[in-house]
Amino acid sequence: MPVHNEDIAAIFDEMADLLEIEGDNPYRVRAYRNAARTVRHLGRELSDMVARGEDLTRLPGIGKELAAKIVEIVNTGHARALDKLHQRVPASLEALLKIPGLGPKRVRALYHDLHIKTLRQLEDAVRRGRLRQLPGFGPRTEQRILENISAHRTEEKRFLHSVARRYAEPLVAWLRQTRGVDQVVVAGSYRRGRETVGDLDILVTVRGESPVMQRFTEYDEVADVVSRGTTRSTVYLRCGLQVDLRVVEKASFGAALHYFTGSKAHNIRIRHLGQQKGLKINEYGVFRGEKRIAGETEESVYASVDLPWIPPELREARGEIEAAREGRLPVLIEREDLRGDLHCHTRATDGTASIEDMARAAQRAGLEYLAITDHSRHLTVAHGLDADALRRQMDDIDRLNDRLDGITLLKGIEVDILEDGSLDLPADVLCRLDLVVGAVHGAFRLSRRKQTERILRAMDSPCFSILAHPTGRLLGEREAYAVDIERIIEAAAERGCFLELNSQ
């Protein structure tokens, strides 16, 4: 996808917002805003000007630094300077900027004076009347903010990937049963395995006349048909999830799948590689002049730019193209690679099943081992185990292992990492276990330095095996706590510890 002036202007606007939140030089902030205005009102596409090698500094308000950033955005689809700002400014603050009435100055005040980073924190602060401590936030402003938050949540609703999958899979199965339908694939961020999904983009190919659009709009879960055409229809499911269905030609299916899978930045890079070879790559295929030379499969699209097929989960313009070119793409883990589960809770704490029931369920799922890792005593809300209760559970696991065949139960615990970095249970008990999963369940607001030191101290324990949910993030509910994750990873490698990947 080509980079348009609006894309460049949006990046400059975002940089200006984030710089203003940081309290950067007002003149620098203004320079980015002026540049965005210049780009938006320019009568020509900057991508064409860059391709022709024109001097961008002749444009009003565009100096050498901004000109270089424009060239970078045109060529790569993103700006490294913006990536660095994203690392420094909490991502949740950008969500606050989307609330009408909250500009960068107000968001900066909320963040620095009241430590508000998320919509949920903002809503709670409004209801408690805390915003009135700040200049310019009166009762009427608070009421408008509450109304705007509600409207924003309705408009910007996103679904966890796991939730979207529950709606996508039966819909795909329904469409595959339609006469004349050959291929059905969900593209977009869903196919890339992103944590959350805003909508579903489904592509189908058909043989001859097929009633696929009628069948799509008559699906039981459809609450509203937004539009219905011969090649594209849009509906909303009862859950609020928007679904777009497109019928594409078989000869274009691979190109369309690549295009609609994204990411935008990845596609821009691929298109740019195509341009270097005199090719035009779009959702209809790969063209040399007017002749389509590839596009029936994704493999053919990548082959046209001398690359192997790149798995959708890697298509984020984060080095995957270079890795593909050099033959060092990673092999992704598949479901059949999983041999066991090392983090499970039973009804002894906040689970719902007995150890034996869980063991038999794991067997049915084809697992070879299962670690029982209930919570420790400090997490009282989950009825965590003290040392005596843990010892009794260890004996229970030994007895079950004696009579269960085909699966091995491992003895473990999810032990709280206390604020000072010590572990919640004594070492003489922990070191008798097969594995110890350490977890931060409180004191999330420690500074980055203190939180990092807290976790590093816990990892110094000779009993420590795995760091659970390393950033504390809960998608859609809680931002990650501040921590130097690179130091944590380096320390884990040195100590022989592991970091959990738990989809949050």
Protein backbone atom coordinates (compact mmCIF):
# COMPACT_ATOMS: atom_id res chain seq x y z
CA MET A 1 0.00 0.00 0.00
CA PRO A 2 1.43 3.38 -0.95
CA VAL A 3 2.06 5.95 1.75
CA HIS A 4 -0.26 8.92 1.23
CA ASN A 5 0.11 12.47 2.52
CA GLU A 6 -2.55 11.79 5.15
CA ASP A 7 -0.46 8.91 6.53
CA ILE A 8 2.58 11.18 6.89
CA ALA A 9 0.54 13.98 8.43
CA ALA A 10 -1.00 11.56 10.94
CA ILE A 11 2.48 10.44 12.04
CA PHE A 12 3.61 14.05 12.51
CA ASP A 13 0.45 14.86 14.48
CA GLU A 14 1.00 11.84 16.71
CA MET A 15 4.62 12.83 17.30
CA ALA A 16 3.52 16.35 18.23
CA ASP A 17 0.96 14.97 20.70
CA LEU A 18 3.46 12.65 22.37
CA LEU A 19 6.16 15.31 22.53
CA GLU A 20 3.68 17.70 24.15
CA ILE A 21 2.71 15.05 26.71
CA GLU A 22 6.41 14.64 27.47
CA GLY A 23 6.73 18.41 27.97
CA ASP A 24 9.10 18.88 25.05
CA ASN A 25 10.09 22.25 23.59
CA PRO A 26 6.89 24.03 22.41
CA TYR A 27 8.67 25.21 19.26
CA ARG A 28 9.50 21.62 18.33
CA VAL A 29 5.92 20.54 18.95
CA ARG A 30 4.68 23.41 16.80
CA ALA A 31 7.11 22.46 14.01
CA TYR A 32 5.55 18.99 13.75
CA ARG A 33 2.01 20.39 13.78
CA ASN A 34 2.89 22.91 11.07
CA ALA A 35 4.53 20.17 9.02
CA ALA A 36 1.39 18.03 9.31
CA ARG A 37 -0.69 20.98 8.10
CA THR A 38 1.66 21.57 5.16
CA VAL A 39 1.55 17.91 4.14
CA ARG A 40 -2.25 17.72 4.33
CA HIS A 41 -2.75 20.76 2.13
CA LEU A 42 -0.06 19.87 -0.38
CA GLY A 43 -1.47 19.46 -3.87
CA ARG A 44 0.91 16.60 -4.73
CA GLU A 45 1.72 13.23 -3.19
CA LEU A 46 4.97 13.33 -1.25
CA SER A 47 5.67 9.73 -2.27
CA ASP A 48 5.86 10.89 -5.91
CA MET A 49 8.15 13.77 -4.95
CA VAL A 50 10.46 11.41 -3.06
CA ALA A 51 10.52 8.98 -6.00
CA ARG A 52 11.61 11.84 -8.26
CA GLY A 53 14.30 12.95 -5.81
CA GLU A 54 12.80 16.43 -5.36
CA ASP A 55 14.10 18.76 -2.63
CA LEU A 56 11.49 18.58 0.14
CA THR A 57 13.09 21.42 2.11
CA ARG A 58 11.55 23.83 -0.40
CA LEU A 59 8.16 23.11 1.14
CA PRO A 60 6.93 25.57 3.82
CA GLY A 61 8.04 24.54 7.31
CA ILE A 62 9.99 21.48 6.14
CA GLY A 63 13.64 21.56 7.17
CA LYS A 64 16.31 18.92 6.72
CA GLU A 65 15.23 16.89 9.77
CA LEU A 66 11.57 16.76 8.75
CA ALA A 67 12.48 16.09 5.11
CA ALA A 68 14.55 13.09 6.19
CA LYS A 69 11.63 11.77 8.25
CA ILE A 70 9.29 12.13 5.27
CA VAL A 71 11.68 10.07 3.12
CA GLU A 72 11.90 7.45 5.89
CA ILE A 73 8.11 7.22 6.20
CA VAL A 74 7.62 6.96 2.44
CA ASN A 75 10.22 4.18 2.20
CA THR A 76 9.37 2.19 5.33
CA GLY A 77 5.86 3.15 6.39
CA HIS A 78 6.95 4.33 9.83
CA ALA A 79 9.29 6.72 11.66
CA ARG A 80 11.92 5.49 14.11
CA ALA A 81 11.50 8.69 16.11
CA LEU A 82 7.85 7.80 16.67
CA ASP A 83 8.84 4.26 17.70
CA LYS A 84 11.12 5.75 20.37
CA LEU A 85 8.32 8.01 21.62
CA HIS A 86 6.07 4.95 21.91
CA GLN A 87 8.71 3.35 24.15
CA ARG A 88 8.78 6.39 26.46
CA VAL A 89 5.12 7.40 26.61
CA PRO A 90 2.60 4.84 27.96
CA ALA A 91 0.45 3.57 25.09
CA SER A 92 -2.69 4.04 27.17
CA LEU A 93 -2.19 7.82 27.13
CA GLU A 94 -2.86 7.80 23.40
CA ALA A 95 -6.25 6.28 24.17
CA LEU A 96 -6.95 9.25 26.45
CA LEU A 97 -6.17 11.59 23.56
CA LYS A 98 -9.03 10.02 21.61
CA ILE A 99 -11.54 11.28 24.18
CA PRO A 100 -13.06 14.56 22.93
CA GLY A 101 -12.05 17.44 25.18
CA LEU A 102 -8.76 15.86 26.25
CA GLY A 103 -5.85 17.36 24.34
CA PRO A 104 -2.16 16.72 25.03
CA LYS A 105 -1.95 19.45 27.70
CA ARG A 106 -4.81 18.00 29.70
CA VAL A 107 -3.55 14.45 29.29
CA ARG A 108 -0.13 15.59 30.52
CA ALA A 109 -1.76 17.15 33.61
CA LEU A 110 -3.79 14.01 34.30
CA TYR A 111 -0.69 11.85 33.99
CA HIS A 112 1.81 13.96 35.89
CA ASP A 113 -0.45 15.39 38.60
CA LEU A 114 -2.94 12.56 39.20
CA HIS A 115 -0.96 9.58 37.78
CA ILE A 116 -3.86 8.69 35.47
CA LYS A 117 -2.81 6.47 32.57
CA THR A 118 -5.89 4.53 31.49
CA LEU A 119 -9.53 5.16 30.62
CA ARG A 120 -10.59 3.12 33.63
CA GLN A 121 -8.43 5.22 35.96
CA LEU A 122 -9.79 8.40 34.37
CA GLU A 123 -13.39 7.27 34.78
CA ASP A 124 -12.75 6.36 38.42
CA ALA A 125 -11.09 9.73 39.08
CA VAL A 126 -14.03 11.59 37.53
CA ARG A 127 -16.56 9.72 39.67
CA ARG A 128 -14.51 10.50 42.79
CA GLY A 129 -14.27 14.18 41.89
CA ARG A 130 -10.47 14.09 41.76
CA LEU A 131 -10.24 16.02 38.49
CA ARG A 132 -11.48 19.17 40.20
CA GLN A 133 -8.06 19.48 41.79
CA LEU A 134 -6.75 20.55 38.37
CA PRO A 135 -7.32 23.93 36.70
CA GLY A 136 -9.99 23.82 33.99
CA PHE A 137 -11.72 20.65 35.20
CA GLY A 138 -15.12 21.57 36.63
CA PRO A 139 -18.32 19.51 37.15
CA ARG A 140 -19.55 20.13 33.59
CA THR A 141 -16.20 19.05 32.14
CA GLU A 142 -16.29 15.90 34.26
CA GLN A 143 -19.77 15.03 33.00
CA ARG A 144 -18.74 15.54 29.38
CA ILE A 145 -15.68 13.35 29.91
CA LEU A 146 -17.85 10.52 31.27
CA GLU A 147 -20.19 10.79 28.29
CA ASN A 148 -17.29 10.85 25.85
CA ILE A 149 -15.65 7.81 27.48
CA SER A 150 -18.87 5.86 27.08
CA ALA A 151 -19.18 6.88 23.42
CA HIS A 152 -15.53 6.04 22.78
CA ARG A 153 -15.91 2.55 24.22
CA THR A 154 -18.88 1.90 21.98
CA GLU A 155 -17.07 3.12 18.87
CA GLU A 156 -13.67 1.65 19.61
CA LYS A 157 -14.67 -1.73 21.00
CA ARG A 158 -12.05 -4.39 20.43
CA PHE A 159 -12.18 -8.09 21.17
CA LEU A 160 -9.57 -10.37 22.63
CA HIS A 161 -8.28 -12.69 19.92
CA SER A 162 -9.56 -15.68 21.88
CA VAL A 163 -13.04 -14.13 21.99
CA ALA A 164 -12.98 -13.22 18.29
CA ARG A 165 -11.97 -16.81 17.51
CA ARG A 166 -15.12 -18.09 19.21
CA TYR A 167 -17.18 -16.12 16.69
CA ALA A 168 -14.91 -16.53 13.66
CA GLU A 169 -14.57 -20.32 13.61
CA PRO A 170 -18.29 -21.22 13.47
CA LEU A 171 -18.90 -18.47 10.89
CA VAL A 172 -16.11 -19.81 8.67
CA ALA A 173 -17.53 -23.33 9.03
CA TRP A 174 -20.98 -21.99 8.04
CA LEU A 175 -19.60 -20.28 4.93
CA ARG A 176 -17.64 -23.38 3.87
CA GLN A 177 -20.91 -25.30 3.68
CA THR A 178 -22.20 -22.90 1.01
CA ARG A 179 -22.62 -24.21 -2.52
CA GLY A 180 -19.80 -23.14 -4.82
CA VAL A 181 -17.45 -21.92 -2.09
CA ASP A 182 -13.82 -23.07 -2.44
CA GLN A 183 -11.63 -21.14 0.01
CA VAL A 184 -12.55 -19.24 3.18
CA VAL A 185 -9.87 -17.45 5.20
CA VAL A 186 -10.04 -14.80 7.91
CA ALA A 187 -7.41 -12.15 7.17
CA GLY A 188 -6.49 -8.94 9.01
CA SER A 189 -5.12 -8.65 12.53
CA TYR A 190 -6.99 -11.86 13.40
CA ARG A 191 -4.80 -13.87 11.01
CA ARG A 192 -1.68 -12.13 12.28
CA GLY A 193 -2.54 -13.33 15.78
CA ARG A 194 -2.72 -9.86 17.29
CA GLU A 195 -3.81 -9.71 20.93
CA THR A 196 -7.02 -7.83 20.14
CA VAL A 197 -9.20 -7.65 17.04
CA GLY A 198 -11.33 -4.71 15.91
CA ASP A 199 -13.19 -6.56 13.14
CA LEU A 200 -13.02 -9.64 10.96
CA ASP A 201 -12.01 -9.55 7.28
CA ILE A 202 -13.05 -12.76 5.53
CA LEU A 203 -12.01 -13.64 1.97
CA VAL A 204 -13.68 -16.33 -0.13
CA THR A 205 -13.30 -17.74 -3.62
CA VAL A 206 -16.26 -19.32 -5.40
CA ARG A 207 -17.01 -21.51 -8.42
CA GLY A 208 -19.63 -20.08 -10.72
CA GLU A 209 -22.77 -18.67 -9.13
CA SER A 210 -22.77 -19.03 -5.35
CA PRO A 211 -25.30 -17.80 -2.77
CA VAL A 212 -22.48 -17.01 -0.33
CA MET A 213 -23.51 -13.38 0.26
CA GLN A 214 -27.09 -14.36 1.01
CA ARG A 215 -25.95 -17.14 3.33
CA PHE A 216 -23.53 -14.72 5.06
CA THR A 217 -26.21 -12.12 5.79
CA GLU A 218 -28.66 -14.81 6.96
CA TYR A 219 -26.23 -16.25 9.52
CA ASP A 220 -27.94 -16.71 12.90
CA GLU A 221 -25.52 -14.47 14.81
CA VAL A 222 -25.98 -11.49 12.45
CA ALA A 223 -27.69 -8.60 14.24
CA ASP A 224 -27.44 -5.93 11.53
CA VAL A 225 -26.68 -5.98 7.81
CA VAL A 226 -24.79 -2.78 7.05
CA SER A 227 -24.38 -3.44 3.33
CA ARG A 228 -24.82 -6.30 0.89
CA GLY A 229 -23.28 -6.51 -2.56
CA THR A 230 -22.15 -9.12 -5.03
CA THR A 231 -18.48 -9.01 -3.98
CA ARG A 232 -18.56 -7.37 -0.55
CA SER A 233 -20.94 -7.31 2.40
CA THR A 234 -20.65 -5.99 5.95
CA VAL A 235 -22.56 -7.13 9.02
CA TYR A 236 -22.48 -6.74 12.78
CA LEU A 237 -22.81 -9.86 14.90
CA ARG A 238 -24.89 -9.87 18.07
CA CYS A 239 -21.73 -9.50 20.13
CA GLY A 240 -20.94 -6.21 18.37
CA LEU A 241 -18.15 -7.58 16.17
CA GLN A 242 -18.06 -6.17 12.63
CA VAL A 243 -17.44 -8.68 9.85
CA ASP A 244 -16.56 -7.86 6.23
CA LEU A 245 -16.87 -10.58 3.59
CA ARG A 246 -15.15 -10.22 0.22
CA VAL A 247 -15.42 -12.51 -2.79
CA VAL A 248 -12.18 -12.46 -4.78
CA GLU A 249 -11.05 -14.12 -7.99
CA LYS A 250 -9.05 -17.30 -7.65
CA ALA A 251 -6.23 -15.73 -9.67
CA SER A 252 -6.03 -12.87 -7.14
CA PHE A 253 -6.66 -14.80 -3.94
CA GLY A 254 -3.04 -14.88 -2.71
CA ALA A 255 -2.52 -11.20 -3.43
CA ALA A 256 -5.80 -10.27 -1.74
CA LEU A 257 -4.98 -12.45 1.26
CA HIS A 258 -1.56 -10.79 1.56
CA TYR A 259 -3.07 -7.31 1.18
CA PHE A 260 -5.89 -7.71 3.69
CA THR A 261 -3.76 -9.62 6.20
CA GLY A 262 -1.32 -6.71 6.59
CA SER A 263 0.21 -5.24 8.53
CA LYS A 264 0.16 -1.98 6.63
CA ALA A 265 3.83 -1.36 7.37
CA HIS A 266 4.80 -4.85 6.19
CA ASN A 267 2.81 -4.47 2.98
CA ILE A 268 4.42 -1.11 2.24
CA ARG A 269 7.85 -2.73 2.51
CA ILE A 270 6.82 -5.53 0.13
CA ARG A 271 5.36 -3.05 -2.35
CA HIS A 272 8.55 -1.02 -2.19
CA LEU A 273 10.61 -4.14 -2.96
CA GLY A 274 8.31 -4.75 -5.91
CA GLN A 275 8.79 -1.21 -7.18
CA GLN A 276 12.55 -1.73 -7.13
CA LYS A 277 12.02 -4.66 -9.52
CA GLY A 278 9.63 -2.73 -11.75
CA LEU A 279 6.57 -4.51 -10.32
CA LYS A 280 3.24 -3.25 -9.04
CA ILE A 281 1.84 -5.24 -6.12
CA ASN A 282 -1.74 -4.74 -4.93
CA GLU A 283 -4.76 -6.75 -3.81
CA TYR A 284 -5.38 -7.92 -7.39
CA GLY A 285 -1.97 -9.43 -8.03
CA VAL A 286 1.62 -8.75 -9.00
CA PHE A 287 1.88 -6.85 -12.27
CA ARG A 288 4.63 -6.06 -14.71
CA GLY A 289 3.05 -3.30 -16.70
CA GLU A 290 -0.50 -4.47 -17.43
CA LYS A 291 0.33 -8.18 -17.20
CA ARG A 292 -0.40 -10.07 -14.00
CA ILE A 293 2.58 -12.35 -13.31
CA ALA A 294 1.65 -13.65 -9.83
CA GLY A 295 -1.00 -13.46 -7.15
CA GLU A 296 -2.91 -16.74 -7.00
CA THR A 297 -1.00 -17.70 -3.85
CA GLU A 298 0.79 -15.72 -1.17
CA GLU A 299 3.92 -17.72 -1.93
CA SER A 300 3.90 -16.33 -5.46
CA VAL A 301 3.62 -12.76 -4.14
CA TYR A 302 6.67 -13.20 -1.92
CA ALA A 303 8.57 -15.08 -4.64
CA SER A 304 8.09 -12.10 -6.96
CA VAL A 305 10.35 -10.08 -4.64
CA ASP A 306 12.76 -12.99 -4.05
CA LEU A 307 11.49 -13.84 -0.56
CA PRO A 308 10.15 -17.05 0.99
CA TRP A 309 6.64 -17.03 2.38
CA ILE A 310 6.53 -15.16 5.69
CA PRO A 311 4.10 -16.40 8.39
CA PRO A 312 1.31 -13.88 9.09
CA GLU A 313 2.24 -13.65 12.78
CA LEU A 314 5.58 -12.09 11.81
CA ARG A 315 4.29 -9.46 9.39
CA GLU A 316 4.78 -6.34 11.49
CA ALA A 317 7.81 -4.71 9.75
CA ARG A 318 10.05 -5.59 12.68
CA GLY A 319 12.88 -7.26 10.81
CA GLU A 320 11.02 -10.22 9.33
CA ILE A 321 11.79 -9.17 5.75
CA GLU A 322 15.51 -8.98 6.45
CA ALA A 323 15.34 -12.33 8.26
CA ALA A 324 13.51 -13.89 5.32
CA ARG A 325 16.08 -12.54 2.88
CA GLU A 326 18.91 -14.00 4.97
CA GLY A 327 17.21 -17.37 5.51
CA ARG A 328 16.80 -17.01 9.27
CA LEU A 329 13.04 -16.82 9.77
CA PRO A 330 12.10 -18.50 13.06
CA VAL A 331 10.08 -21.69 13.10
CA LEU A 332 6.80 -20.87 14.84
CA ILE A 333 5.43 -23.05 17.60
CA GLU A 334 2.34 -25.04 16.62
CA ARG A 335 -0.29 -26.61 18.85
CA GLU A 336 1.14 -30.08 18.26
CA ASP A 337 4.50 -28.91 19.64
CA LEU A 338 3.02 -28.41 23.11
CA ARG A 339 3.78 -31.37 25.37
CA GLY A 340 2.68 -30.05 28.74
CA ASP A 341 1.35 -27.18 30.84
CA LEU A 342 3.48 -25.61 33.56
CA HIS A 343 0.97 -23.23 35.15
CA CYS A 344 -2.36 -24.57 36.42
CA HIS A 345 -4.64 -23.84 39.39
CA THR A 346 -6.92 -26.34 41.09
CA ARG A 347 -9.98 -25.83 43.24
CA ALA A 348 -7.61 -25.68 46.22
CA THR A 349 -7.17 -21.99 45.32
CA ASP A 350 -8.92 -20.19 42.46
CA GLY A 351 -9.37 -23.09 40.03
CA THR A 352 -12.55 -25.13 39.57
CA ALA A 353 -11.40 -28.77 39.27
CA SER A 354 -9.55 -31.35 41.32
CA ILE A 355 -5.98 -32.39 40.56
CA GLU A 356 -7.14 -35.76 39.22
CA ASP A 357 -9.80 -34.21 36.98
CA MET A 358 -7.21 -31.84 35.56
CA ALA A 359 -4.74 -34.66 34.99
CA ARG A 360 -7.28 -36.70 33.03
CA ALA A 361 -8.31 -33.63 31.00
CA ALA A 362 -4.64 -33.01 30.18
CA GLN A 363 -4.31 -36.61 29.04
CA ARG A 364 -7.31 -36.24 26.73
CA ALA A 365 -5.66 -33.13 25.29
CA GLY A 366 -2.59 -35.19 24.42
CA LEU A 367 -0.28 -33.69 27.05
CA GLU A 368 2.54 -35.67 28.64
CA TYR A 369 2.94 -33.65 31.85
CA LEU A 370 1.06 -31.13 33.96
CA ALA A 371 2.42 -28.89 36.70
CA ILE A 372 0.10 -28.05 39.59
CA THR A 373 0.93 -24.47 40.58
CA ASP A 374 -1.70 -23.13 42.94
CA HIS A 375 -1.32 -19.69 44.52
CA SER A 376 0.70 -19.10 47.68
CA ARG A 377 -0.63 -17.73 50.97
CA HIS A 378 -0.01 -14.01 50.29
CA LEU A 379 -2.72 -13.94 47.62
CA THR A 380 -5.58 -14.24 50.09
CA VAL A 381 -8.22 -13.37 47.49
CA ALA A 382 -7.35 -16.69 45.78
CA HIS A 383 -7.17 -18.62 49.08
CA GLY A 384 -3.44 -19.20 48.58
CA LEU A 385 -1.72 -22.19 50.17
CA ASP A 386 0.52 -21.91 53.20
CA ALA A 387 3.52 -24.22 53.71
CA ASP A 388 1.52 -26.96 55.45
CA ALA A 389 -1.22 -26.99 52.80
CA LEU A 390 1.42 -27.13 50.07
CA ARG A 391 3.12 -30.11 51.73
CA ARG A 392 -0.22 -31.95 51.86
CA GLN A 393 -0.80 -31.20 48.18
CA MET A 394 2.65 -32.55 47.34
CA ASP A 395 1.73 -35.83 49.05
CA ASP A 396 -1.54 -35.96 47.08
CA ILE A 397 0.38 -35.51 43.82
CA ASP A 398 2.78 -38.33 44.72
CA ARG A 399 -0.14 -40.68 45.34
CA LEU A 400 -1.80 -39.71 42.04
CA ASN A 401 1.42 -40.25 40.11
CA ASP A 402 1.58 -43.79 41.54
CA ARG A 403 -1.76 -44.74 40.00
CA LEU A 404 -1.98 -42.58 36.84
CA ASP A 405 -0.52 -43.90 33.58
CA GLY A 406 0.45 -41.86 30.53
CA ILE A 407 0.91 -38.52 32.25
CA THR A 408 3.28 -37.10 34.86
CA LEU A 409 2.12 -34.59 37.46
CA LEU A 410 4.73 -32.06 38.57
CA LYS A 411 4.70 -30.38 41.97
CA GLY A 412 4.80 -26.60 41.84
CA ILE A 413 3.50 -23.33 43.22
CA GLU A 414 2.78 -19.84 41.90
CA VAL A 415 4.55 -18.02 44.69
CA ASP A 416 4.10 -14.30 45.25
CA ILE A 417 7.12 -12.07 44.76
CA LEU A 418 6.76 -9.69 47.70
CA GLU A 419 7.52 -5.99 47.41
CA ASP A 420 11.05 -6.43 48.73
CA GLY A 421 11.77 -9.23 46.24
CA SER A 422 11.54 -12.08 48.74
CA LEU A 423 9.35 -15.10 48.02
CA ASP A 424 6.15 -15.78 49.91
CA LEU A 425 7.08 -19.26 51.19
CA PRO A 426 10.25 -20.57 52.90
CA ALA A 427 13.06 -21.92 50.75
CA ASP A 428 13.06 -25.33 52.47
CA VAL A 429 9.54 -25.93 51.11
CA LEU A 430 10.05 -24.31 47.70
CA CYS A 431 13.19 -26.28 46.94
CA ARG A 432 11.30 -29.58 47.37
CA LEU A 433 9.10 -28.69 44.38
CA ASP A 434 9.68 -29.62 40.75
CA LEU A 435 9.28 -26.00 39.74
CA VAL A 436 8.55 -22.61 41.31
CA VAL A 437 6.60 -20.02 39.32
CA GLY A 438 7.24 -16.54 40.73
CA ALA A 439 4.65 -13.81 40.18
CA VAL A 440 4.04 -10.14 40.93
CA HIS A 441 0.47 -9.68 42.16
CA GLY A 442 0.70 -6.30 43.88
CA ALA A 443 2.69 -3.07 44.28
CA PHE A 444 2.33 -2.46 40.54
CA ARG A 445 3.16 1.24 40.87
CA LEU A 446 6.76 0.85 41.94
CA SER A 447 9.26 2.78 39.85
CA ARG A 448 10.87 1.01 36.91
CA ARG A 449 14.11 0.66 38.85
CA LYS A 450 12.49 -0.70 42.01
CA GLN A 451 10.20 -3.10 40.13
CA THR A 452 13.16 -4.44 38.16
CA GLU A 453 15.29 -4.89 41.29
CA ARG A 454 12.37 -6.60 43.03
CA ILE A 455 12.07 -9.22 40.30
CA LEU A 456 15.83 -9.68 39.95
CA ARG A 457 16.13 -10.37 43.67
CA ALA A 458 13.38 -12.99 43.45
CA MET A 459 15.17 -14.63 40.53
CA ASP A 460 18.30 -14.90 42.68
CA SER A 461 16.57 -17.60 44.72
CA PRO A 462 18.01 -21.05 43.85
CA CYS A 463 14.44 -22.40 43.85
CA PHE A 464 13.12 -19.93 41.24
CA SER A 465 12.15 -21.56 37.91
CA ILE A 466 9.72 -19.38 35.92
CA LEU A 467 8.62 -15.73 35.98
CA ALA A 468 4.85 -15.63 35.46
CA HIS A 469 3.19 -12.86 33.41
CA PRO A 470 6.44 -10.85 33.23
CA THR A 471 4.84 -7.42 32.68
CA GLY A 472 1.63 -7.79 34.70
CA ARG A 473 -0.48 -6.64 31.79
CA LEU A 474 -4.14 -7.66 31.51
CA LEU A 475 -5.43 -6.91 28.03
CA GLY A 476 -8.21 -4.34 28.12
CA GLU A 477 -8.03 -4.14 31.91
CA ARG A 478 -4.59 -3.25 33.24
CA GLU A 479 -1.51 -1.65 31.76
CA ALA A 480 1.86 -3.31 32.17
CA TYR A 481 3.87 -2.19 35.18
CA ALA A 482 7.13 -0.35 34.58
CA VAL A 483 10.01 -2.80 34.35
CA ASP A 484 13.30 -3.11 32.46
CA ILE A 485 12.31 -6.24 30.58
CA GLU A 486 15.65 -6.45 28.76
CA ARG A 487 17.50 -6.70 32.08
CA ILE A 488 15.02 -9.33 33.23
CA ILE A 489 15.59 -11.40 30.08
CA GLU A 490 19.38 -11.14 30.42
CA ALA A 491 19.20 -12.15 34.08
CA ALA A 492 16.92 -15.08 33.29
CA ALA A 493 19.41 -16.35 30.72
CA GLU A 494 22.27 -16.05 33.23
CA ARG A 495 20.35 -17.76 36.04
CA GLY A 496 18.73 -20.49 33.98
CA CYS A 497 15.21 -19.15 34.61
CA PHE A 498 12.37 -18.97 32.11
CA LEU A 499 9.79 -16.32 31.24
CA GLU A 500 6.15 -17.27 30.82
CA LEU A 501 4.20 -16.44 27.67
CA ASN A 502 0.57 -16.33 28.72
CA SER A 503 -1.27 -14.37 25.99
CA GLN A 504 -1.78 -11.29 28.14
